[in-house]
Amino acid sequence: MFRVLLIDDDHDRAVGVKALLEAVGHTVIAILSWEATTLHRLDSLRPDVIIADAGSPERDALEHIVLLSETLELPVVVLGAAGDEDSIRRAMRAGVAAYVAHGISIHDIAPILKVATLRYAEHRKLKRELQDAKSELSARKRIEKAKGILMQDLGLSEDDAHHRMRRLAMDRGKKLAEIAEAIILTKELGKH
């Protein structure tokens, strides 16, 4: 079961959602209005899932939801959301884990939260994999640039430059990309 934080400007509606959540065994740790929702407050509550009402009259509700999802790295379920395609796309791009445009019943709660947490876990995994791939590509580019510097400055072949960098990395207990970065920085210092 999850520790759930509700964010809703309509207290009566939030109390109804709280009752649904508690009826299926979840713990509602707090109900906050959008105005009372601060990152410090949310961080201190440490929820597992945030359920946020997007039907708030506040026009920046979706922007707040994006901030919640990205900053706290928690699944966010949006209730009372607009059902138009543009709003749904914006919410999905924002990393919202579940988007419910209709009312919910007691039977909806468990599957919605389960899907939201699973979807969010998958979203985070894909994000990490993308970041790792970007880092690897960046490292490869730095290595290629460093090899080019060694080839030009020392008249080495590509293989010799690579072997020299690799040997230096092994001797120093460093990654090849770190050695490449040092070569690039040394070259840039020499220019100034």
N, C-alpha and C. Protein backbone atom coordinates (compact mmCIF):
# COMPACT_ATOMS: atom_id res chain seq x y z
N MET A 1 0.83 -1.18 0.00
CA MET A 1 0.00 0.00 0.00
C MET A 1 0.87 1.25 0.00
N PHE A 2 0.33 2.33 -0.48
CA PHE A 2 1.10 3.55 -0.69
C PHE A 2 0.78 4.63 0.34
N ARG A 3 1.80 5.47 0.58
CA ARG A 3 1.62 6.71 1.35
C ARG A 3 1.32 7.78 0.31
N VAL A 4 0.11 8.32 0.35
CA VAL A 4 -0.38 9.20 -0.70
C VAL A 4 -0.53 10.62 -0.17
N LEU A 5 -0.11 11.57 -0.99
CA LEU A 5 -0.33 12.99 -0.71
C LEU A 5 -1.37 13.48 -1.70
N LEU A 6 -2.41 14.13 -1.21
CA LEU A 6 -3.45 14.70 -2.07
C LEU A 6 -3.22 16.21 -2.17
N ILE A 7 -3.29 16.72 -3.40
CA ILE A 7 -3.23 18.16 -3.62
C ILE A 7 -4.50 18.55 -4.35
N ASP A 8 -5.32 19.34 -3.68
CA ASP A 8 -6.62 19.70 -4.25
C ASP A 8 -7.11 20.96 -3.55
N ASP A 9 -7.56 21.93 -4.31
CA ASP A 9 -8.11 23.15 -3.73
C ASP A 9 -9.53 22.96 -3.22
N ASP A 10 -10.20 21.90 -3.64
CA ASP A 10 -11.56 21.60 -3.19
C ASP A 10 -11.47 20.57 -2.05
N HIS A 11 -11.55 21.07 -0.82
CA HIS A 11 -11.35 20.21 0.34
C HIS A 11 -12.38 19.07 0.41
N ASP A 12 -13.63 19.35 0.08
CA ASP A 12 -14.67 18.31 0.13
C ASP A 12 -14.37 17.19 -0.85
N ARG A 13 -13.95 17.54 -2.06
CA ARG A 13 -13.61 16.54 -3.06
C ARG A 13 -12.40 15.72 -2.57
N ALA A 14 -11.42 16.40 -2.00
CA ALA A 14 -10.22 15.72 -1.50
C ALA A 14 -10.56 14.74 -0.38
N VAL A 15 -11.49 15.12 0.48
CA VAL A 15 -11.90 14.22 1.56
C VAL A 15 -12.57 12.98 0.98
N GLY A 16 -13.33 13.15 -0.10
CA GLY A 16 -13.95 12.00 -0.77
C GLY A 16 -12.91 11.07 -1.37
N VAL A 17 -11.89 11.63 -2.02
CA VAL A 17 -10.81 10.82 -2.59
C VAL A 17 -10.04 10.13 -1.47
N LYS A 18 -9.83 10.85 -0.38
CA LYS A 18 -9.13 10.28 0.77
C LYS A 18 -9.89 9.05 1.29
N ALA A 19 -11.20 9.16 1.39
CA ALA A 19 -12.01 8.04 1.87
C ALA A 19 -11.88 6.84 0.92
N LEU A 20 -11.87 7.09 -0.38
CA LEU A 20 -11.70 6.00 -1.35
C LEU A 20 -10.34 5.33 -1.18
N LEU A 21 -9.30 6.14 -1.02
CA LEU A 21 -7.95 5.59 -0.85
C LEU A 21 -7.83 4.76 0.42
N GLU A 22 -8.34 5.30 1.51
CA GLU A 22 -8.24 4.59 2.79
C GLU A 22 -9.09 3.33 2.81
N ALA A 23 -10.18 3.33 2.04
CA ALA A 23 -11.05 2.15 1.99
C ALA A 23 -10.33 0.95 1.36
N VAL A 24 -9.33 1.22 0.51
CA VAL A 24 -8.60 0.12 -0.10
C VAL A 24 -7.21 -0.07 0.52
N GLY A 25 -6.97 0.59 1.65
CA GLY A 25 -5.76 0.33 2.42
C GLY A 25 -4.60 1.29 2.26
N HIS A 26 -4.77 2.35 1.49
CA HIS A 26 -3.69 3.33 1.34
C HIS A 26 -3.74 4.33 2.50
N THR A 27 -2.61 4.97 2.77
CA THR A 27 -2.53 5.97 3.82
C THR A 27 -2.42 7.34 3.17
N VAL A 28 -3.33 8.23 3.51
CA VAL A 28 -3.26 9.61 3.03
C VAL A 28 -2.51 10.40 4.10
N ILE A 29 -1.31 10.84 3.76
CA ILE A 29 -0.47 11.50 4.76
C ILE A 29 -0.79 12.98 4.91
N ALA A 30 -1.41 13.58 3.88
CA ALA A 30 -1.80 14.99 3.98
C ALA A 30 -2.69 15.35 2.80
N ILE A 31 -3.50 16.38 3.02
CA ILE A 31 -4.26 17.02 1.95
C ILE A 31 -3.80 18.47 1.94
N LEU A 32 -3.26 18.90 0.81
CA LEU A 32 -2.77 20.27 0.69
C LEU A 32 -3.50 20.99 -0.43
N SER A 33 -3.66 22.29 -0.27
CA SER A 33 -4.15 23.11 -1.39
C SER A 33 -2.94 23.41 -2.26
N TRP A 34 -3.20 23.86 -3.48
CA TRP A 34 -2.08 24.22 -4.35
C TRP A 34 -1.26 25.32 -3.72
N GLU A 35 -1.91 26.27 -3.08
CA GLU A 35 -1.21 27.39 -2.45
C GLU A 35 -0.27 26.93 -1.33
N ALA A 36 -0.68 25.90 -0.60
CA ALA A 36 0.13 25.40 0.53
C ALA A 36 1.19 24.40 0.09
N THR A 37 1.22 24.09 -1.19
CA THR A 37 2.15 23.08 -1.70
C THR A 37 3.50 23.72 -2.02
N THR A 38 4.48 23.40 -1.20
CA THR A 38 5.85 23.86 -1.45
C THR A 38 6.75 22.63 -1.55
N LEU A 39 7.85 22.78 -2.24
CA LEU A 39 8.78 21.66 -2.38
C LEU A 39 9.31 21.21 -1.02
N HIS A 40 9.57 22.18 -0.15
CA HIS A 40 10.06 21.82 1.19
C HIS A 40 9.02 20.99 1.95
N ARG A 41 7.79 21.42 1.88
CA ARG A 41 6.71 20.69 2.57
C ARG A 41 6.54 19.29 1.99
N LEU A 42 6.57 19.18 0.66
CA LEU A 42 6.42 17.88 0.02
C LEU A 42 7.58 16.96 0.36
N ASP A 43 8.77 17.52 0.35
CA ASP A 43 9.95 16.71 0.66
C ASP A 43 9.90 16.20 2.10
N SER A 44 9.40 17.01 3.01
CA SER A 44 9.32 16.58 4.41
C SER A 44 8.24 15.51 4.63
N LEU A 45 7.22 15.49 3.79
CA LEU A 45 6.15 14.49 3.93
C LEU A 45 6.56 13.12 3.38
N ARG A 46 7.42 13.10 2.39
CA ARG A 46 7.93 11.88 1.77
C ARG A 46 6.83 10.90 1.32
N PRO A 47 5.95 11.35 0.44
CA PRO A 47 4.92 10.44 -0.06
C PRO A 47 5.51 9.44 -1.06
N ASP A 48 4.76 8.36 -1.29
CA ASP A 48 5.12 7.41 -2.35
C ASP A 48 4.52 7.84 -3.68
N VAL A 49 3.35 8.46 -3.60
CA VAL A 49 2.59 8.89 -4.78
C VAL A 49 1.91 10.22 -4.45
N ILE A 50 1.83 11.09 -5.44
CA ILE A 50 1.08 12.33 -5.30
C ILE A 50 -0.13 12.25 -6.21
N ILE A 51 -1.29 12.54 -5.65
CA ILE A 51 -2.50 12.65 -6.46
C ILE A 51 -2.87 14.12 -6.46
N ALA A 52 -2.86 14.71 -7.65
CA ALA A 52 -3.09 16.14 -7.78
C ALA A 52 -4.33 16.41 -8.62
N ASP A 53 -5.11 17.37 -8.18
CA ASP A 53 -6.29 17.78 -8.93
C ASP A 53 -5.89 18.85 -9.94
N ALA A 54 -6.17 18.59 -11.19
CA ALA A 54 -5.84 19.56 -12.24
C ALA A 54 -7.01 20.45 -12.58
N GLY A 55 -8.15 20.21 -11.94
CA GLY A 55 -9.32 21.02 -12.20
C GLY A 55 -9.30 22.30 -11.41
N SER A 56 -8.18 22.60 -10.80
CA SER A 56 -8.03 23.82 -10.01
C SER A 56 -8.20 25.04 -10.90
N PRO A 57 -8.80 26.07 -10.36
CA PRO A 57 -8.92 27.30 -11.15
C PRO A 57 -7.56 27.94 -11.43
N GLU A 58 -6.55 27.54 -10.66
CA GLU A 58 -5.21 28.10 -10.89
C GLU A 58 -4.72 27.64 -12.26
N ARG A 59 -4.35 28.59 -13.10
CA ARG A 59 -4.02 28.27 -14.49
C ARG A 59 -2.71 27.52 -14.64
N ASP A 60 -1.84 27.58 -13.65
CA ASP A 60 -0.54 26.94 -13.77
C ASP A 60 -0.49 25.56 -13.12
N ALA A 61 -1.63 24.93 -12.93
CA ALA A 61 -1.65 23.62 -12.26
C ALA A 61 -0.75 22.62 -12.95
N LEU A 62 -0.80 22.55 -14.28
CA LEU A 62 0.03 21.59 -15.00
C LEU A 62 1.52 21.89 -14.80
N GLU A 63 1.89 23.16 -14.78
CA GLU A 63 3.29 23.52 -14.55
C GLU A 63 3.74 23.08 -13.15
N HIS A 64 2.86 23.22 -12.17
CA HIS A 64 3.17 22.76 -10.81
C HIS A 64 3.33 21.24 -10.80
N ILE A 65 2.48 20.56 -11.54
CA ILE A 65 2.54 19.09 -11.60
C ILE A 65 3.86 18.65 -12.24
N VAL A 66 4.29 19.34 -13.28
CA VAL A 66 5.56 19.03 -13.93
C VAL A 66 6.69 19.18 -12.91
N LEU A 67 6.68 20.27 -12.17
CA LEU A 67 7.70 20.51 -11.16
C LEU A 67 7.71 19.42 -10.10
N LEU A 68 6.52 18.99 -9.68
CA LEU A 68 6.43 17.92 -8.68
C LEU A 68 7.06 16.64 -9.20
N SER A 69 6.67 16.25 -10.38
CA SER A 69 7.14 15.00 -10.96
C SER A 69 8.64 15.00 -11.16
N GLU A 70 9.18 16.08 -11.71
CA GLU A 70 10.60 16.12 -12.04
C GLU A 70 11.48 16.36 -10.82
N THR A 71 11.07 17.25 -9.94
CA THR A 71 11.91 17.62 -8.80
C THR A 71 11.91 16.55 -7.72
N LEU A 72 10.74 16.03 -7.40
CA LEU A 72 10.65 15.06 -6.32
C LEU A 72 10.89 13.64 -6.78
N GLU A 73 10.87 13.44 -8.08
CA GLU A 73 11.03 12.10 -8.66
C GLU A 73 10.04 11.12 -8.03
N LEU A 74 8.79 11.50 -8.12
CA LEU A 74 7.69 10.67 -7.62
C LEU A 74 6.64 10.54 -8.69
N PRO A 75 5.89 9.43 -8.66
CA PRO A 75 4.77 9.34 -9.60
C PRO A 75 3.68 10.32 -9.20
N VAL A 76 3.15 11.00 -10.20
CA VAL A 76 2.06 11.95 -9.99
C VAL A 76 0.85 11.47 -10.78
N VAL A 77 -0.27 11.34 -10.09
CA VAL A 77 -1.54 10.97 -10.71
C VAL A 77 -2.37 12.24 -10.78
N VAL A 78 -2.86 12.57 -11.96
CA VAL A 78 -3.66 13.77 -12.15
C VAL A 78 -5.12 13.38 -12.25
N LEU A 79 -5.94 13.98 -11.40
CA LEU A 79 -7.39 13.74 -11.42
C LEU A 79 -8.10 15.00 -11.89
N GLY A 80 -9.30 14.84 -12.41
CA GLY A 80 -10.13 15.97 -12.81
C GLY A 80 -9.52 16.77 -13.94
N ALA A 81 -8.74 16.09 -14.75
CA ALA A 81 -8.02 16.78 -15.82
C ALA A 81 -8.91 16.96 -17.04
N ALA A 82 -8.51 17.91 -17.87
CA ALA A 82 -9.22 18.13 -19.13
C ALA A 82 -9.01 16.91 -20.03
N GLY A 83 -10.04 16.55 -20.76
CA GLY A 83 -9.96 15.36 -21.60
C GLY A 83 -9.50 15.62 -23.01
N ASP A 84 -9.14 16.86 -23.32
CA ASP A 84 -8.72 17.14 -24.70
C ASP A 84 -7.32 16.60 -24.96
N GLU A 85 -7.08 16.29 -26.21
CA GLU A 85 -5.84 15.64 -26.61
C GLU A 85 -4.60 16.47 -26.29
N ASP A 86 -4.68 17.78 -26.46
CA ASP A 86 -3.53 18.64 -26.19
C ASP A 86 -3.15 18.58 -24.71
N SER A 87 -4.13 18.65 -23.82
CA SER A 87 -3.85 18.58 -22.38
C SER A 87 -3.25 17.25 -22.00
N ILE A 88 -3.76 16.19 -22.58
CA ILE A 88 -3.24 14.85 -22.29
C ILE A 88 -1.79 14.74 -22.75
N ARG A 89 -1.50 15.22 -23.95
CA ARG A 89 -0.13 15.17 -24.46
C ARG A 89 0.83 15.98 -23.58
N ARG A 90 0.41 17.18 -23.19
CA ARG A 90 1.26 18.01 -22.33
C ARG A 90 1.53 17.30 -21.00
N ALA A 91 0.53 16.67 -20.45
CA ALA A 91 0.71 15.97 -19.17
C ALA A 91 1.65 14.78 -19.32
N MET A 92 1.51 14.04 -20.39
CA MET A 92 2.37 12.88 -20.60
C MET A 92 3.82 13.31 -20.83
N ARG A 93 4.02 14.38 -21.61
CA ARG A 93 5.37 14.90 -21.81
C ARG A 93 5.96 15.39 -20.49
N ALA A 94 5.10 15.87 -19.60
CA ALA A 94 5.55 16.37 -18.30
C ALA A 94 5.94 15.23 -17.36
N GLY A 95 5.65 14.00 -17.74
CA GLY A 95 6.03 12.88 -16.89
C GLY A 95 4.94 12.43 -15.94
N VAL A 96 3.71 12.89 -16.17
CA VAL A 96 2.61 12.45 -15.33
C VAL A 96 2.43 10.95 -15.51
N ALA A 97 2.30 10.24 -14.39
CA ALA A 97 2.24 8.78 -14.44
C ALA A 97 0.84 8.26 -14.78
N ALA A 98 -0.20 8.98 -14.39
CA ALA A 98 -1.57 8.59 -14.72
C ALA A 98 -2.40 9.86 -14.86
N TYR A 99 -3.31 9.85 -15.80
CA TYR A 99 -4.09 11.03 -16.14
C TYR A 99 -5.54 10.60 -16.23
N VAL A 100 -6.35 11.03 -15.27
CA VAL A 100 -7.74 10.59 -15.19
C VAL A 100 -8.66 11.79 -15.40
N ALA A 101 -9.37 11.79 -16.53
CA ALA A 101 -10.23 12.92 -16.86
C ALA A 101 -11.65 12.74 -16.33
N HIS A 102 -11.98 11.53 -15.88
CA HIS A 102 -13.34 11.27 -15.39
C HIS A 102 -13.29 11.04 -13.89
N GLY A 103 -14.44 10.93 -13.28
CA GLY A 103 -14.50 10.63 -11.85
C GLY A 103 -13.98 9.23 -11.58
N ILE A 104 -13.61 8.97 -10.33
CA ILE A 104 -13.10 7.65 -9.99
C ILE A 104 -13.96 7.01 -8.91
N SER A 105 -13.95 5.69 -8.92
CA SER A 105 -14.69 4.94 -7.90
C SER A 105 -13.69 4.14 -7.08
N ILE A 106 -14.18 3.51 -6.06
CA ILE A 106 -13.33 2.71 -5.19
C ILE A 106 -12.62 1.60 -5.97
N HIS A 107 -13.25 1.10 -7.01
CA HIS A 107 -12.67 0.02 -7.81
C HIS A 107 -11.56 0.52 -8.74
N ASP A 108 -11.56 1.83 -8.99
CA ASP A 108 -10.55 2.42 -9.87
C ASP A 108 -9.22 2.69 -9.17
N ILE A 109 -9.27 2.95 -7.87
CA ILE A 109 -8.10 3.43 -7.14
C ILE A 109 -6.90 2.49 -7.23
N ALA A 110 -7.06 1.24 -6.85
CA ALA A 110 -5.92 0.32 -6.82
C ALA A 110 -5.26 0.18 -8.19
N PRO A 111 -6.02 -0.08 -9.26
CA PRO A 111 -5.35 -0.20 -10.56
C PRO A 111 -4.70 1.10 -11.03
N ILE A 112 -5.32 2.23 -10.74
CA ILE A 112 -4.74 3.51 -11.16
C ILE A 112 -3.38 3.71 -10.47
N LEU A 113 -3.33 3.50 -9.18
CA LEU A 113 -2.07 3.70 -8.45
C LEU A 113 -1.01 2.67 -8.87
N LYS A 114 -1.43 1.45 -9.09
CA LYS A 114 -0.48 0.40 -9.51
C LYS A 114 0.10 0.74 -10.88
N VAL A 115 -0.75 1.09 -11.82
CA VAL A 115 -0.28 1.44 -13.16
C VAL A 115 0.60 2.68 -13.09
N ALA A 116 0.21 3.65 -12.29
CA ALA A 116 0.99 4.89 -12.18
C ALA A 116 2.39 4.61 -11.65
N THR A 117 2.49 3.80 -10.61
CA THR A 117 3.82 3.54 -10.03
C THR A 117 4.67 2.69 -10.99
N LEU A 118 4.05 1.72 -11.66
CA LEU A 118 4.80 0.91 -12.62
C LEU A 118 5.24 1.75 -13.83
N ARG A 119 4.33 2.58 -14.31
CA ARG A 119 4.65 3.44 -15.46
C ARG A 119 5.75 4.42 -15.08
N TYR A 120 5.68 4.97 -13.89
CA TYR A 120 6.70 5.92 -13.46
C TYR A 120 8.06 5.23 -13.32
N ALA A 121 8.08 4.03 -12.76
CA ALA A 121 9.33 3.28 -12.63
C ALA A 121 9.94 3.03 -14.01
N GLU A 122 9.10 2.67 -14.97
CA GLU A 122 9.58 2.45 -16.34
C GLU A 122 10.09 3.75 -16.96
N HIS A 123 9.38 4.84 -16.71
CA HIS A 123 9.77 6.16 -17.21
C HIS A 123 11.15 6.54 -16.65
N ARG A 124 11.37 6.33 -15.37
CA ARG A 124 12.66 6.65 -14.74
C ARG A 124 13.77 5.77 -15.30
N LYS A 125 13.46 4.48 -15.51
CA LYS A 125 14.45 3.56 -16.08
C LYS A 125 14.86 4.03 -17.47
N LEU A 126 13.89 4.38 -18.30
CA LEU A 126 14.20 4.87 -19.65
C LEU A 126 14.99 6.17 -19.61
N LYS A 127 14.66 7.04 -18.67
CA LYS A 127 15.37 8.30 -18.51
C LYS A 127 16.84 8.05 -18.13
N ARG A 128 17.06 7.10 -17.21
CA ARG A 128 18.43 6.75 -16.81
C ARG A 128 19.20 6.16 -17.99
N GLU A 129 18.54 5.28 -18.75
CA GLU A 129 19.19 4.66 -19.90
C GLU A 129 19.55 5.72 -20.95
N LEU A 130 18.66 6.67 -21.16
CA LEU A 130 18.94 7.75 -22.11
C LEU A 130 20.11 8.59 -21.62
N GLN A 131 20.13 8.91 -20.34
CA GLN A 131 21.23 9.70 -19.79
C GLN A 131 22.54 8.94 -19.91
N ASP A 132 22.51 7.64 -19.62
CA ASP A 132 23.72 6.81 -19.76
C ASP A 132 24.22 6.79 -21.20
N ALA A 133 23.28 6.67 -22.14
CA ALA A 133 23.66 6.65 -23.56
C ALA A 133 24.26 7.99 -23.97
N LYS A 134 23.68 9.09 -23.50
CA LYS A 134 24.21 10.41 -23.81
C LYS A 134 25.61 10.58 -23.22
N SER A 135 25.80 10.11 -22.00
CA SER A 135 27.12 10.20 -21.35
C SER A 135 28.15 9.38 -22.11
N GLU A 136 27.76 8.19 -22.53
CA GLU A 136 28.66 7.33 -23.29
C GLU A 136 29.03 7.97 -24.63
N LEU A 137 28.06 8.55 -25.30
CA LEU A 137 28.34 9.21 -26.58
C LEU A 137 29.27 10.41 -26.37
N SER A 138 29.03 11.16 -25.32
CA SER A 138 29.88 12.31 -25.01
C SER A 138 31.31 11.86 -24.71
N ALA A 139 31.44 10.77 -23.95
CA ALA A 139 32.76 10.23 -23.63
C ALA A 139 33.48 9.78 -24.91
N ARG A 140 32.76 9.12 -25.79
CA ARG A 140 33.37 8.66 -27.05
C ARG A 140 33.84 9.85 -27.88
N LYS A 141 33.04 10.92 -27.89
CA LYS A 141 33.43 12.11 -28.65
C LYS A 141 34.70 12.72 -28.07
N ARG A 142 34.79 12.77 -26.72
CA ARG A 142 35.99 13.32 -26.08
C ARG A 142 37.21 12.45 -26.38
N ILE A 143 37.02 11.15 -26.37
CA ILE A 143 38.13 10.23 -26.67
C ILE A 143 38.61 10.43 -28.10
N GLU A 144 37.68 10.53 -29.03
CA GLU A 144 38.05 10.76 -30.44
C GLU A 144 38.78 12.09 -30.61
N LYS A 145 38.31 13.12 -29.92
CA LYS A 145 38.96 14.43 -30.01
C LYS A 145 40.37 14.36 -29.44
N ALA A 146 40.52 13.69 -28.30
CA ALA A 146 41.84 13.56 -27.68
C ALA A 146 42.79 12.76 -28.58
N LYS A 147 42.28 11.70 -29.19
CA LYS A 147 43.12 10.94 -30.12
C LYS A 147 43.58 11.84 -31.26
N GLY A 148 42.68 12.65 -31.77
CA GLY A 148 43.03 13.57 -32.85
C GLY A 148 44.12 14.55 -32.44
N ILE A 149 44.06 15.02 -31.19
CA ILE A 149 45.09 15.93 -30.69
C ILE A 149 46.44 15.23 -30.65
N LEU A 150 46.46 14.00 -30.10
CA LEU A 150 47.71 13.24 -30.03
C LEU A 150 48.25 12.93 -31.42
N MET A 151 47.38 12.60 -32.33
CA MET A 151 47.80 12.29 -33.70
C MET A 151 48.44 13.52 -34.34
N GLN A 152 47.81 14.67 -34.15
CA GLN A 152 48.31 15.91 -34.75
C GLN A 152 49.58 16.40 -34.06
N ASP A 153 49.57 16.45 -32.73
CA ASP A 153 50.69 17.04 -32.00
C ASP A 153 51.91 16.13 -31.92
N LEU A 154 51.68 14.81 -31.85
CA LEU A 154 52.80 13.89 -31.69
C LEU A 154 53.07 13.05 -32.92
N GLY A 155 52.26 13.23 -33.96
CA GLY A 155 52.45 12.48 -35.19
C GLY A 155 52.17 10.99 -35.03
N LEU A 156 51.23 10.64 -34.15
CA LEU A 156 50.91 9.24 -33.90
C LEU A 156 49.82 8.75 -34.83
N SER A 157 49.78 7.45 -35.06
CA SER A 157 48.65 6.86 -35.79
C SER A 157 47.47 6.81 -34.82
N GLU A 158 46.29 6.58 -35.36
CA GLU A 158 45.11 6.49 -34.50
C GLU A 158 45.25 5.36 -33.48
N ASP A 159 45.74 4.21 -33.93
CA ASP A 159 45.94 3.07 -33.00
C ASP A 159 46.95 3.40 -31.91
N ASP A 160 48.06 4.04 -32.29
CA ASP A 160 49.08 4.40 -31.30
C ASP A 160 48.53 5.41 -30.29
N ALA A 161 47.78 6.37 -30.77
CA ALA A 161 47.19 7.37 -29.87
C ALA A 161 46.24 6.70 -28.89
N HIS A 162 45.42 5.79 -29.40
CA HIS A 162 44.47 5.08 -28.55
C HIS A 162 45.21 4.22 -27.52
N HIS A 163 46.23 3.49 -27.95
CA HIS A 163 46.99 2.63 -27.04
C HIS A 163 47.68 3.46 -25.95
N ARG A 164 48.23 4.60 -26.35
CA ARG A 164 48.91 5.46 -25.39
C ARG A 164 47.92 5.96 -24.33
N MET A 165 46.75 6.39 -24.78
CA MET A 165 45.71 6.87 -23.84
C MET A 165 45.25 5.73 -22.92
N ARG A 166 45.05 4.58 -23.50
CA ARG A 166 44.58 3.42 -22.72
C ARG A 166 45.61 3.01 -21.67
N ARG A 167 46.88 2.99 -22.07
CA ARG A 167 47.94 2.61 -21.13
C ARG A 167 48.02 3.63 -19.99
N LEU A 168 47.92 4.91 -20.31
CA LEU A 168 47.95 5.96 -19.30
C LEU A 168 46.76 5.82 -18.34
N ALA A 169 45.60 5.52 -18.89
CA ALA A 169 44.40 5.34 -18.05
C ALA A 169 44.60 4.17 -17.08
N MET A 170 45.15 3.08 -17.58
CA MET A 170 45.38 1.91 -16.73
C MET A 170 46.43 2.21 -15.67
N ASP A 171 47.52 2.88 -16.07
CA ASP A 171 48.59 3.21 -15.12
C ASP A 171 48.11 4.14 -14.01
N ARG A 172 47.20 5.03 -14.33
CA ARG A 172 46.71 6.03 -13.37
C ARG A 172 45.42 5.60 -12.66
N GLY A 173 44.85 4.47 -13.08
CA GLY A 173 43.59 4.03 -12.49
C GLY A 173 42.43 4.96 -12.83
N LYS A 174 42.47 5.50 -14.01
CA LYS A 174 41.44 6.44 -14.48
C LYS A 174 40.66 5.83 -15.63
N LYS A 175 39.53 6.43 -15.91
CA LYS A 175 38.76 6.03 -17.08
C LYS A 175 39.38 6.68 -18.31
N LEU A 176 39.21 6.03 -19.45
CA LEU A 176 39.73 6.55 -20.70
C LEU A 176 39.18 7.95 -20.99
N ALA A 177 37.91 8.17 -20.67
CA ALA A 177 37.29 9.48 -20.90
C ALA A 177 37.94 10.56 -20.03
N GLU A 178 38.38 10.20 -18.83
CA GLU A 178 39.06 11.18 -17.96
C GLU A 178 40.42 11.57 -18.54
N ILE A 179 41.13 10.60 -19.08
CA ILE A 179 42.42 10.89 -19.72
C ILE A 179 42.19 11.77 -20.95
N ALA A 180 41.15 11.44 -21.71
CA ALA A 180 40.82 12.24 -22.89
C ALA A 180 40.53 13.68 -22.49
N GLU A 181 39.78 13.86 -21.44
CA GLU A 181 39.43 15.21 -20.96
C GLU A 181 40.69 15.97 -20.55
N ALA A 182 41.63 15.29 -19.90
CA ALA A 182 42.89 15.93 -19.50
C ALA A 182 43.69 16.36 -20.72
N ILE A 183 43.72 15.54 -21.74
CA ILE A 183 44.45 15.88 -22.97
C ILE A 183 43.82 17.10 -23.63
N ILE A 184 42.50 17.12 -23.69
CA ILE A 184 41.78 18.24 -24.31
C ILE A 184 42.03 19.53 -23.52
N LEU A 185 41.95 19.44 -22.19
CA LEU A 185 42.19 20.63 -21.36
C LEU A 185 43.62 21.14 -21.51
N THR A 186 44.56 20.22 -21.55
CA THR A 186 45.97 20.61 -21.72
C THR A 186 46.16 21.34 -23.05
N LYS A 187 45.53 20.83 -24.09
CA LYS A 187 45.62 21.47 -25.40
C LYS A 187 45.00 22.87 -25.35
N GLU A 188 43.85 22.99 -24.70
CA GLU A 188 43.19 24.30 -24.61
C GLU A 188 44.00 25.28 -23.78
N LEU A 189 44.66 24.81 -22.72
CA LEU A 189 45.52 25.69 -21.92
C LEU A 189 46.70 26.20 -22.74
N GLY A 190 47.21 25.36 -23.61
CA GLY A 190 48.32 25.75 -24.46
C GLY A 190 47.96 26.83 -25.46
N LYS A 191 46.68 26.95 -25.77
CA LYS A 191 46.22 27.96 -26.73
C LYS A 191 46.13 29.34 -26.11
N HIS A 192 45.99 29.39 -24.80
CA HIS A 192 45.76 30.69 -24.13
C HIS A 192 47.02 31.28 -23.58
